[in-house]
């Protein structure tokens, strides 16, 4: 239940006839650091409110949401305070404060304004402003600052509503205040980083200064994490020095994070984290037949090699337009396309006859064209065996399948798709590259019934046979000479 507005009026009348309305400072027990307040009703009752502009609006407590709030006045700009008492020692010379706030009227273009301040008494005159903010989000958003302090004993955190008249409601919660007297390292910096297949290398510069603006004394440490899991720590580092980091990652997308930390008199403090996203590729990965390649997602696209053959910065990218993941080539206004997307290696084994197919569509009604090649290595110059030639495609409404059969030799092959559209076209999409062996005995008329009744064989997307595929798994199914992609239901 919200605190009654009329109870505030009665309290104001009982205490004073002036613009101020607050309890005597000695009546409340100060909070201790670190202070973290949701707040609760009991905590709010230890706050002091001040209706400085003497209107009918002031800070109140919402018991349903456990937050404090200030509702607008239609006649006066906000000038309303809430003071929170807390205790400081002589060592609390640097502090950090954070709050979460929202503006309820953002959808109607009503933002809100507030200030945070610190002072030695629960009065507006004693307050020193440490943060001024405009709240333009209607979901709780964090706001924080750090500041120096010379007050000892009881001090007050002041929250000052300053919104113009006629706005809506400012809400605030999760009020946190902590001492920053112990040195806190600044954030380390990633000077350089690179991926080579699955191998990650980086050079990280350690901080030499603290958040408080002082040189770090002694040694500093570094924590290295991959996808939120601590992987390694580097200790006893010289402030300002460079650290060389190496790691072997699993295939896929990863988030690399670094945190510097200090231990001072038994207390450990950490810097803000610095992160980067990387993609690890297995450069030695080989697929087997039957082979199906989406690309299903950006990770799978990352396994491919892109070649901008005419160096015009228009080349193959990953697309999910209309929900269909695919390879996409955009047009260049002056240059004819000469761009390759080369898929990872496929081991044909002893297969010497294959069927290869792809799906394609144009982006618009402009004429697009492409070819599909096979080559012995992942380079455009090695693409010597043309498998599919599509000199013209104008179908943007649905996917068209193009396929061919050809005799090959066994061993390792790479599939290369070459965009060859004329200049100033519009766009080409290609997906679902499929290769299957045709070396199995042909099924005659007498074998049709057995083909229909044949038991299906399941393979993962890397071509490895599966004894018992799991529900929801995407698999390659081979049944009676047919090969197709399916999801196990």
Protein backbone atom coordinates (compact mmCIF):
# COMPACT_ATOMS: atom_id res chain seq x y z
CA UNK A 1 0.00 0.00 0.00
CA UNK A 2 1.34 3.44 -0.91
CA UNK A 3 2.06 5.92 1.85
CA UNK A 4 -0.94 8.26 2.13
CA UNK A 5 -0.53 11.71 0.64
CA UNK A 6 -2.85 13.09 3.38
CA UNK A 7 -0.63 11.66 6.10
CA UNK A 8 2.23 13.70 4.64
CA UNK A 9 0.10 16.84 4.76
CA UNK A 10 -0.78 16.20 8.39
CA UNK A 11 2.85 15.53 9.25
CA UNK A 12 3.88 18.74 7.49
CA UNK A 13 1.33 20.76 9.38
CA UNK A 14 2.36 19.25 12.69
CA UNK A 15 6.08 19.86 12.22
CA UNK A 16 6.30 23.30 10.66
CA UNK A 17 4.47 25.91 8.63
CA UNK A 18 7.52 26.46 6.42
CA UNK A 19 8.28 24.89 3.02
CA UNK A 20 10.25 22.10 4.73
CA UNK A 21 8.66 18.88 5.91
CA UNK A 22 11.10 16.45 7.46
CA UNK A 23 11.80 14.56 10.71
CA UNK A 24 14.44 15.63 13.18
CA UNK A 25 17.82 14.26 12.12
CA UNK A 26 18.48 12.62 15.47
CA UNK A 27 15.32 10.52 15.18
CA UNK A 28 16.72 8.18 12.50
CA UNK A 29 19.45 5.53 12.56
CA UNK A 30 22.07 6.02 9.81
CA UNK A 31 22.76 3.17 7.43
CA UNK A 32 26.25 1.65 7.30
CA UNK A 33 28.44 1.11 4.27
CA UNK A 34 28.18 -0.72 2.00
CA UNK A 35 24.55 0.43 1.79
CA UNK A 36 22.14 -1.37 -0.55
CA UNK A 37 18.47 -0.39 -0.32
CA UNK A 38 15.63 -1.79 -2.46
CA UNK A 39 14.09 -0.03 -0.38
CA UNK A 40 11.54 -1.56 1.99
CA UNK A 41 8.89 0.43 3.82
CA UNK A 42 10.93 0.17 7.03
CA UNK A 43 13.95 1.59 5.20
CA UNK A 44 11.90 4.39 3.66
CA UNK A 45 10.70 5.39 7.13
CA UNK A 46 14.36 6.18 7.93
CA UNK A 47 14.50 8.63 5.00
CA UNK A 48 13.73 12.33 5.35
CA UNK A 49 11.60 14.10 2.73
CA UNK A 50 11.59 17.79 1.89
CA UNK A 51 8.87 19.48 -0.17
CA UNK A 52 11.05 22.49 -1.01
CA UNK A 53 8.60 24.21 -3.35
CA UNK A 54 5.69 23.81 -0.91
CA UNK A 55 3.29 22.29 -3.42
CA UNK A 56 1.13 19.20 -3.00
CA UNK A 57 3.70 16.76 -4.38
CA UNK A 58 6.62 15.02 -2.68
CA UNK A 59 8.58 11.74 -2.66
CA UNK A 60 6.49 8.76 -1.56
CA UNK A 61 6.87 4.99 -1.17
CA UNK A 62 5.19 2.36 -3.37
CA UNK A 63 4.89 -0.75 -1.25
CA UNK A 64 3.66 -2.88 -4.19
CA UNK A 65 6.82 -2.20 -6.21
CA UNK A 66 9.25 -1.47 -3.34
CA UNK A 67 10.39 1.80 -4.87
CA UNK A 68 10.22 5.51 -4.11
CA UNK A 69 8.46 7.79 -6.56
CA UNK A 70 7.70 11.39 -7.32
CA UNK A 71 4.49 12.28 -9.22
CA UNK A 72 4.30 15.48 -11.22
CA UNK A 73 2.73 18.78 -10.33
CA UNK A 74 0.70 20.55 -13.01
CA UNK A 75 1.59 24.00 -11.63
CA UNK A 76 5.17 23.87 -10.31
CA UNK A 77 8.49 22.45 -11.44
CA UNK A 78 9.70 19.68 -9.15
CA UNK A 79 11.94 20.76 -6.26
CA UNK A 80 11.58 17.85 -3.90
CA UNK A 81 14.18 15.98 -1.88
CA UNK A 82 14.58 12.70 -0.08
CA UNK A 83 17.58 12.43 2.26
CA UNK A 84 19.11 9.06 3.24
CA UNK A 85 21.39 9.04 6.32
CA UNK A 86 24.55 6.94 6.38
CA UNK A 87 27.69 6.70 8.51
CA UNK A 88 31.18 7.56 7.20
CA UNK A 89 34.61 6.91 8.66
CA UNK A 90 37.78 8.93 8.12
CA UNK A 91 38.90 6.37 5.53
CA UNK A 92 35.83 6.80 3.33
CA UNK A 93 37.40 9.43 1.11
CA UNK A 94 36.09 8.11 -2.20
CA UNK A 95 32.57 6.76 -2.74
CA UNK A 96 30.45 5.19 -5.47
CA UNK A 97 26.67 5.58 -5.68
CA UNK A 98 24.24 3.93 -8.07
CA UNK A 99 20.47 3.95 -8.49
CA UNK A 100 17.93 2.54 -10.93
CA UNK A 101 15.28 4.93 -12.28
CA UNK A 102 12.48 5.04 -14.83
CA UNK A 103 10.15 7.67 -16.28
CA UNK A 104 6.58 6.37 -16.63
CA UNK A 105 5.58 8.82 -19.36
CA UNK A 106 8.33 8.17 -21.89
CA UNK A 107 5.85 6.75 -24.41
CA UNK A 108 4.15 10.15 -24.39
CA UNK A 109 7.52 11.96 -24.67
CA UNK A 110 7.62 12.85 -20.96
CA UNK A 111 11.07 12.29 -19.54
CA UNK A 112 12.08 13.08 -15.95
CA UNK A 113 15.05 14.76 -14.25
CA UNK A 114 16.88 14.18 -10.99
CA UNK A 115 20.08 14.97 -9.14
CA UNK A 116 22.12 13.06 -6.60
CA UNK A 117 23.94 15.01 -3.91
CA UNK A 118 25.82 14.54 -0.63
CA UNK A 119 25.75 16.71 2.46
CA UNK A 120 26.34 16.84 6.18
CA UNK A 121 22.69 17.44 7.10
CA UNK A 122 19.21 16.72 5.74
CA UNK A 123 18.88 20.17 4.18
CA UNK A 124 19.00 21.39 0.60
CA UNK A 125 21.55 24.03 1.58
CA UNK A 126 24.11 21.43 2.72
CA UNK A 127 23.92 19.37 -0.49
CA UNK A 128 26.78 19.13 -3.00
CA UNK A 129 25.55 17.83 -6.37
CA UNK A 130 27.45 14.76 -7.61
CA UNK A 131 25.24 13.61 -10.51
CA UNK A 132 22.63 15.24 -12.79
CA UNK A 133 20.57 13.03 -15.10
CA UNK A 134 17.62 12.97 -17.49
CA UNK A 135 15.63 9.72 -17.38
CA UNK A 136 14.32 8.84 -20.85
CA UNK A 137 13.54 5.14 -20.38
CA UNK A 138 10.33 3.56 -19.11
CA UNK A 139 12.17 0.52 -17.79
CA UNK A 140 14.53 0.64 -14.85
CA UNK A 141 17.92 1.92 -16.01
CA UNK A 142 21.08 2.16 -13.86
CA UNK A 143 22.78 5.50 -13.17
CA UNK A 144 26.01 5.76 -11.20
CA UNK A 145 28.92 7.99 -10.32
CA UNK A 146 32.02 8.08 -8.14
CA UNK A 147 33.06 11.09 -6.09
CA UNK A 148 35.48 12.31 -3.44
CA UNK A 149 34.34 12.90 0.13
CA UNK A 150 35.62 14.82 3.17
CA UNK A 151 32.67 14.23 5.55
CA UNK A 152 33.06 11.99 8.60
CA UNK A 153 30.28 10.82 10.87
CA UNK A 154 26.68 11.03 9.69
CA UNK A 155 26.19 12.19 6.11
CA UNK A 156 23.16 12.29 3.82
CA UNK A 157 22.60 11.13 0.27
CA UNK A 158 20.16 13.51 -1.34
CA UNK A 159 17.88 12.51 -4.22
CA UNK A 160 16.44 15.64 -5.81
CA UNK A 161 13.49 15.52 -8.23
CA UNK A 162 13.88 18.41 -10.72
CA UNK A 163 11.43 17.51 -13.51
CA UNK A 164 9.50 20.35 -15.19
CA UNK A 165 5.86 20.68 -14.30
CA UNK A 166 3.32 18.60 -16.15
CA UNK A 167 5.47 15.48 -16.55
CA UNK A 168 4.43 12.07 -15.18
CA UNK A 169 6.10 9.84 -12.56
CA UNK A 170 9.77 9.34 -11.65
CA UNK A 171 10.43 5.99 -9.94
CA UNK A 172 13.65 4.93 -8.23
CA UNK A 173 14.95 1.78 -6.57
CA UNK A 174 18.15 -0.23 -5.80
CA UNK A 175 19.99 2.64 -4.12
CA UNK A 176 23.58 1.50 -3.51
CA UNK A 177 26.40 3.41 -1.82
CA UNK A 178 29.85 1.97 -1.14
CA UNK A 179 33.27 3.13 -0.10
CA UNK A 180 35.89 3.38 -2.81
CA UNK A 181 38.74 4.25 -0.50
CA UNK A 182 40.56 1.00 -1.34
CA UNK A 183 42.31 1.42 -4.73
CA UNK A 184 40.31 0.11 -7.69
CA UNK A 185 42.16 -0.51 -10.94
CA UNK A 186 41.03 1.12 -14.16
CA UNK A 187 39.82 -1.18 -16.93
CA UNK A 188 42.53 -3.06 -18.88
CA UNK A 189 42.74 -2.36 -22.62
CA UNK A 190 42.82 -4.88 -25.47
CA UNK A 191 45.64 -3.49 -27.62
CA UNK A 192 45.38 -6.16 -30.32
CA UNK A 193 43.78 -9.54 -30.88
CA UNK A 194 43.46 -12.10 -33.67
CA UNK A 195 41.96 -15.51 -34.42
CA UNK A 196 43.82 -18.18 -36.39
CA UNK A 197 41.36 -21.00 -36.75
CA UNK A 198 40.65 -22.11 -33.18
CA UNK A 199 43.65 -20.24 -31.75
CA UNK A 200 43.12 -16.87 -30.05
CA UNK A 201 45.94 -14.44 -29.34
CA UNK A 202 45.78 -11.00 -27.74
CA UNK A 203 47.93 -8.32 -26.15
CA UNK A 204 46.31 -6.66 -23.14
CA UNK A 205 47.60 -3.49 -21.50
CA UNK A 206 47.33 -3.48 -17.72
CA UNK A 207 46.14 -0.33 -15.95
CA UNK A 208 48.69 1.87 -14.21
CA UNK A 209 46.17 4.12 -12.45
CA UNK A 210 43.30 3.57 -10.03
CA UNK A 211 39.74 4.79 -10.40
CA UNK A 212 40.56 7.27 -7.65
CA UNK A 213 43.20 8.85 -9.92
CA UNK A 214 46.28 7.57 -8.10
CA UNK A 215 49.16 5.49 -9.45
CA UNK A 216 48.77 1.80 -8.58
CA UNK A 217 51.33 0.71 -6.02
CA UNK A 218 52.63 -2.85 -6.03
CA UNK A 219 51.42 -5.51 -8.45
CA UNK A 220 48.21 -5.89 -10.43
CA UNK A 221 46.47 -9.06 -11.64
CA UNK A 222 44.41 -10.06 -14.69
CA UNK A 223 41.49 -12.45 -14.98
CA UNK A 224 40.78 -13.98 -18.44
CA UNK A 225 37.33 -15.50 -19.10
CA UNK A 226 35.66 -17.18 -22.06
CA UNK A 227 31.86 -17.02 -22.23
CA UNK A 228 31.66 -16.10 -18.56
CA UNK A 229 33.91 -18.91 -17.33
CA UNK A 230 37.26 -17.97 -15.82
CA UNK A 231 39.94 -19.63 -17.94
CA UNK A 232 43.20 -18.24 -16.59
CA UNK A 233 44.63 -15.64 -14.22
CA UNK A 234 47.86 -13.68 -14.63
CA UNK A 235 49.32 -12.54 -11.32
CA UNK A 236 52.05 -10.23 -10.02
CA UNK A 237 52.00 -8.02 -13.10
CA UNK A 238 53.64 -4.63 -13.33
CA UNK A 239 51.10 -1.76 -13.64
CA UNK A 240 51.08 -0.49 -17.21
CA UNK A 241 52.72 -3.62 -18.64
CA UNK A 242 51.50 -5.69 -21.60
CA UNK A 243 50.25 -9.24 -21.18
CA UNK A 244 50.28 -11.76 -24.03
CA UNK A 245 47.26 -14.06 -23.89
CA UNK A 246 46.84 -17.27 -25.88
CA UNK A 247 43.99 -19.78 -25.83
CA UNK A 248 42.54 -22.56 -27.97
CA UNK A 249 38.78 -22.20 -28.30
CA UNK A 250 36.02 -24.51 -29.45
CA UNK A 251 34.42 -23.84 -32.81
CA UNK A 252 31.80 -21.10 -32.74
CA UNK A 253 31.16 -17.62 -31.38
CA UNK A 254 32.69 -16.61 -28.04
CA UNK A 255 32.87 -13.63 -25.72
CA UNK A 256 36.33 -12.89 -24.31
CA UNK A 257 36.43 -10.85 -21.09
CA UNK A 258 39.27 -9.32 -19.08
CA UNK A 259 39.13 -7.94 -15.53
CA UNK A 260 42.04 -6.37 -13.66
CA UNK A 261 42.11 -6.77 -9.88
CA UNK A 262 44.13 -5.61 -6.88
CA UNK A 263 44.49 -6.94 -3.37
CA UNK A 264 45.18 -4.24 -0.79
CA UNK A 265 45.43 -5.07 2.93
CA UNK A 266 43.41 -8.25 2.34
CA UNK A 267 40.69 -6.48 0.32
CA UNK A 268 40.31 -7.34 -3.38
CA UNK A 269 38.90 -4.80 -5.81
CA UNK A 270 38.11 -5.33 -9.48
CA UNK A 271 38.06 -3.11 -12.55
CA UNK A 272 35.13 -2.82 -14.90
CA UNK A 273 35.31 -5.66 -17.45
CA UNK A 274 36.35 -5.22 -21.08
CA UNK A 275 35.02 -7.73 -23.63
CA UNK A 276 35.22 -8.63 -27.28
CA UNK A 277 33.38 -11.11 -29.51
CA UNK A 278 35.40 -13.61 -31.58
CA UNK A 279 34.59 -16.50 -33.91
CA UNK A 280 36.67 -19.68 -33.79
CA UNK A 281 36.89 -21.77 -36.96
CA UNK A 282 38.19 -25.31 -37.35
CA UNK A 283 40.37 -24.82 -40.41
CA UNK A 284 41.10 -28.54 -40.61
CA UNK A 285 37.49 -29.69 -40.36
CA UNK A 286 36.29 -32.10 -43.04
CA UNK A 287 32.75 -33.03 -43.88
CA UNK A 288 31.74 -36.38 -45.36
CA UNK A 289 29.04 -37.51 -47.77
CA UNK A 290 26.13 -37.03 -47.70
CA UNK A 291 26.93 -33.34 -47.33
CA UNK A 292 24.44 -30.54 -46.60
CA UNK A 293 25.51 -26.99 -45.82
CA UNK A 294 22.96 -24.23 -45.03
CA UNK A 295 24.52 -22.02 -43.89
CA UNK A 296 22.41 -22.62 -40.78
CA UNK A 297 23.80 -19.65 -38.87
CA UNK A 298 26.61 -17.11 -38.70
CA UNK A 299 28.91 -19.70 -37.12
CA UNK A 300 28.50 -22.04 -40.07
CA UNK A 301 28.99 -19.11 -42.46
CA UNK A 302 32.20 -18.38 -40.60
CA UNK A 303 33.59 -21.74 -41.72
CA UNK A 304 33.56 -20.48 -45.30
CA UNK A 305 36.15 -18.42 -47.15
CA UNK A 306 34.98 -15.24 -48.87
CA UNK A 307 36.92 -13.99 -51.91
CA UNK A 308 36.22 -10.48 -53.23
CA UNK A 309 37.55 -11.21 -56.67
CA UNK A 310 37.25 -7.68 -58.05
CA UNK A 311 38.17 -5.92 -54.78
CA UNK A 312 35.13 -3.63 -54.81
CA UNK A 313 33.97 -4.31 -51.22
CA UNK A 314 30.76 -5.90 -52.50
CA UNK A 315 30.91 -9.59 -51.70
CA UNK A 316 29.17 -12.55 -50.05
CA UNK A 317 27.64 -12.09 -46.59
CA UNK A 318 25.36 -14.08 -44.29
CA UNK A 319 21.66 -13.22 -44.55
CA UNK A 320 18.53 -14.14 -42.61
CA UNK A 321 16.12 -12.08 -44.70
CA UNK A 322 12.54 -13.38 -44.43
CA UNK A 323 13.80 -15.85 -41.84
CA UNK A 324 15.79 -17.85 -44.40
CA UNK A 325 19.50 -18.19 -43.59
CA UNK A 326 21.52 -18.05 -46.78
CA UNK A 327 24.57 -16.74 -48.61
CA UNK A 328 23.84 -13.29 -50.02
CA UNK A 329 25.63 -11.31 -52.71
CA UNK A 330 24.59 -7.62 -53.14
CA UNK A 331 25.03 -5.74 -56.39
CA UNK A 332 27.68 -3.21 -57.35
CA UNK A 333 26.49 -0.26 -59.44
CA UNK A 334 29.47 -0.41 -61.84
CA UNK A 335 31.25 -3.75 -61.52
CA UNK A 336 30.20 -7.16 -62.74
CA UNK A 337 30.24 -9.68 -59.90
CA UNK A 338 33.35 -11.80 -59.51
CA UNK A 339 33.02 -13.02 -55.95
CA UNK A 340 33.43 -16.43 -54.36
CA UNK A 341 32.12 -18.15 -51.27
CA UNK A 342 34.16 -21.32 -50.72
CA UNK A 343 32.74 -23.95 -48.37
CA UNK A 344 34.80 -26.13 -46.01
CA UNK A 345 36.40 -29.37 -47.20
CA UNK A 346 34.29 -32.40 -48.10
CA UNK A 347 35.82 -35.88 -48.13
CA UNK A 348 34.32 -37.85 -51.03
CA UNK A 349 36.14 -41.00 -49.94
CA UNK A 350 36.14 -43.34 -52.95
CA UNK A 351 33.03 -41.81 -54.50
CA UNK A 352 33.45 -41.02 -58.19
CA UNK A 353 29.88 -40.08 -59.11
CA UNK A 354 27.85 -37.44 -57.26
CA UNK A 355 24.68 -35.42 -57.39
CA UNK A 356 25.11 -31.76 -56.31
CA UNK A 357 22.29 -29.25 -55.85
CA UNK A 358 21.68 -25.76 -54.47
CA UNK A 359 18.67 -23.51 -53.88
CA UNK A 360 18.72 -19.93 -55.15
CA UNK A 361 16.53 -16.89 -55.69
CA UNK A 362 17.01 -13.31 -56.77
CA UNK A 363 16.26 -10.33 -54.56
CA UNK A 364 14.20 -8.60 -57.22
CA UNK A 365 13.32 -8.88 -60.89
CA UNK A 366 16.83 -8.04 -62.08
CA UNK A 367 18.81 -10.77 -63.79
CA UNK A 368 21.31 -12.53 -61.54
CA UNK A 369 23.74 -15.32 -62.41
CA UNK A 370 26.10 -17.71 -60.62
CA UNK A 371 28.07 -20.92 -61.01
CA UNK A 372 28.99 -23.74 -58.64
CA UNK A 373 32.45 -25.30 -58.92
CA UNK A 374 34.53 -28.02 -57.29
CA UNK A 375 38.21 -27.57 -56.51
CA UNK A 376 41.00 -29.33 -54.69
CA UNK A 377 41.79 -26.46 -52.29
CA UNK A 378 40.06 -23.42 -50.84
CA UNK A 379 41.07 -20.89 -53.49
CA UNK A 380 39.33 -19.35 -56.48
CA UNK A 381 42.12 -20.48 -58.81
CA UNK A 382 41.60 -24.11 -57.76
CA UNK A 383 37.91 -24.08 -58.77
CA UNK A 384 38.31 -25.92 -62.09
CA UNK A 385 35.34 -28.31 -62.21
CA UNK A 386 32.08 -26.57 -63.07
CA UNK A 387 29.18 -28.43 -61.49
CA UNK A 388 26.24 -26.05 -62.00
CA UNK A 389 25.87 -23.03 -64.28
CA UNK A 390 22.93 -20.62 -63.85
CA UNK A 391 23.27 -17.86 -66.43
CA UNK A 392 19.97 -16.22 -65.51
CA UNK A 393 17.70 -16.19 -62.47
CA UNK A 394 14.90 -13.68 -61.87
CA UNK A 395 12.72 -15.55 -59.39
CA UNK A 396 12.42 -13.57 -56.15
CA UNK A 397 9.15 -15.07 -54.89
CA UNK A 398 10.39 -18.60 -54.13
CA UNK A 399 13.50 -20.75 -54.04
CA UNK A 400 14.54 -22.62 -57.17
CA UNK A 401 16.60 -25.81 -56.94
CA UNK A 402 19.44 -26.35 -59.44
CA UNK A 403 21.21 -29.70 -59.60
CA UNK A 404 23.52 -31.81 -61.72
CA UNK A 405 25.27 -35.16 -61.65
CA UNK A 406 28.90 -35.55 -62.56
CA UNK A 407 31.77 -37.99 -62.48
CA UNK A 408 34.57 -37.07 -60.11
CA UNK A 409 37.52 -38.59 -58.38
CA UNK A 410 37.48 -39.39 -54.69
CA UNK A 411 39.36 -37.54 -51.96
CA UNK A 412 39.07 -34.00 -50.61
CA UNK A 413 37.04 -31.41 -52.53
CA UNK A 414 35.91 -27.85 -51.89
CA UNK A 415 32.69 -26.31 -53.22
CA UNK A 416 32.97 -22.77 -54.58
CA UNK A 417 29.98 -20.60 -55.47
CA UNK A 418 30.83 -17.77 -57.82
CA UNK A 419 28.54 -14.74 -58.18
CA UNK A 420 28.70 -13.54 -61.80
CA UNK A 421 25.71 -11.18 -61.95
CA UNK A 422 25.95 -8.13 -64.21
CA UNK A 423 26.66 -4.71 -62.74
CA UNK A 424 23.81 -2.76 -61.18
CA UNK A 425 21.60 -5.80 -60.53
CA UNK A 426 19.95 -6.15 -57.11
CA UNK A 427 20.95 -9.21 -55.09
CA UNK A 428 21.40 -13.00 -55.15
CA UNK A 429 20.63 -15.57 -52.43
CA UNK A 430 22.00 -19.14 -52.39
CA UNK A 431 21.47 -21.80 -49.75
CA UNK A 432 21.35 -25.55 -49.03
CA UNK A 433 24.35 -26.94 -50.88
CA UNK A 434 23.82 -30.70 -51.05
CA UNK A 435 26.13 -33.45 -52.32
CA UNK A 436 25.34 -37.17 -52.33
CA UNK A 437 27.11 -40.19 -53.69
CA UNK A 438 25.58 -42.00 -56.66
CA UNK A 439 27.85 -45.03 -56.37
CA UNK A 440 25.12 -47.11 -54.71
CA UNK A 441 23.53 -49.73 -57.00
CA UNK A 442 20.65 -48.37 -59.05
CA UNK A 443 17.22 -49.42 -57.91
CA UNK A 444 15.24 -51.12 -60.65
CA UNK A 445 11.50 -51.44 -60.99
CA UNK A 446 11.59 -54.59 -58.97
CA UNK A 447 13.30 -52.73 -56.14
CA UNK A 448 10.80 -49.89 -55.71
CA UNK A 449 8.88 -51.62 -52.94
CA UNK A 450 12.04 -52.41 -50.99
CA UNK A 451 13.22 -48.81 -51.45
CA UNK A 452 10.05 -47.48 -49.88
CA UNK A 453 10.36 -49.92 -46.98
CA UNK A 454 14.08 -49.34 -46.48
CA UNK A 455 15.24 -48.33 -43.01
CA UNK A 456 16.49 -44.72 -42.90
CA UNK A 457 20.10 -43.94 -42.07
CA UNK A 458 20.92 -40.81 -40.05
CA UNK A 459 23.99 -38.59 -40.23
CA UNK A 460 24.90 -35.37 -38.43
CA UNK A 461 25.74 -32.26 -40.44
CA UNK A 462 29.40 -33.33 -40.51
CA UNK A 463 28.47 -36.61 -42.22
CA UNK A 464 29.02 -38.83 -39.16
CA UNK A 465 26.53 -41.72 -38.92
CA UNK A 466 24.19 -41.51 -35.91
CA UNK A 467 22.88 -44.62 -34.18
CA UNK A 468 20.17 -42.79 -32.24
CA UNK A 469 19.56 -39.14 -33.19
CA UNK A 470 18.09 -36.97 -30.45
CA UNK A 471 14.73 -35.23 -30.54
CA UNK A 472 15.03 -31.76 -32.09
CA UNK A 473 18.37 -32.57 -33.76
CA UNK A 474 18.91 -31.49 -37.38
CA UNK A 475 20.14 -34.52 -39.33
CA UNK A 476 20.79 -35.79 -42.84
CA UNK A 477 18.49 -38.73 -43.67
CA UNK A 478 19.35 -41.29 -46.35
CA UNK A 479 16.56 -43.68 -47.28
CA UNK A 480 16.27 -45.83 -50.35
CA UNK A 481 18.72 -43.78 -52.44
CA UNK A 482 17.19 -40.44 -51.36
CA UNK A 483 19.04 -37.95 -49.17
CA UNK A 484 17.43 -35.01 -47.39
CA UNK A 485 17.72 -32.80 -44.30
CA UNK A 486 15.21 -33.31 -41.48
CA UNK A 487 14.52 -32.44 -37.83
CA UNK A 488 13.93 -35.38 -35.50
CA UNK A 489 10.47 -35.00 -33.98
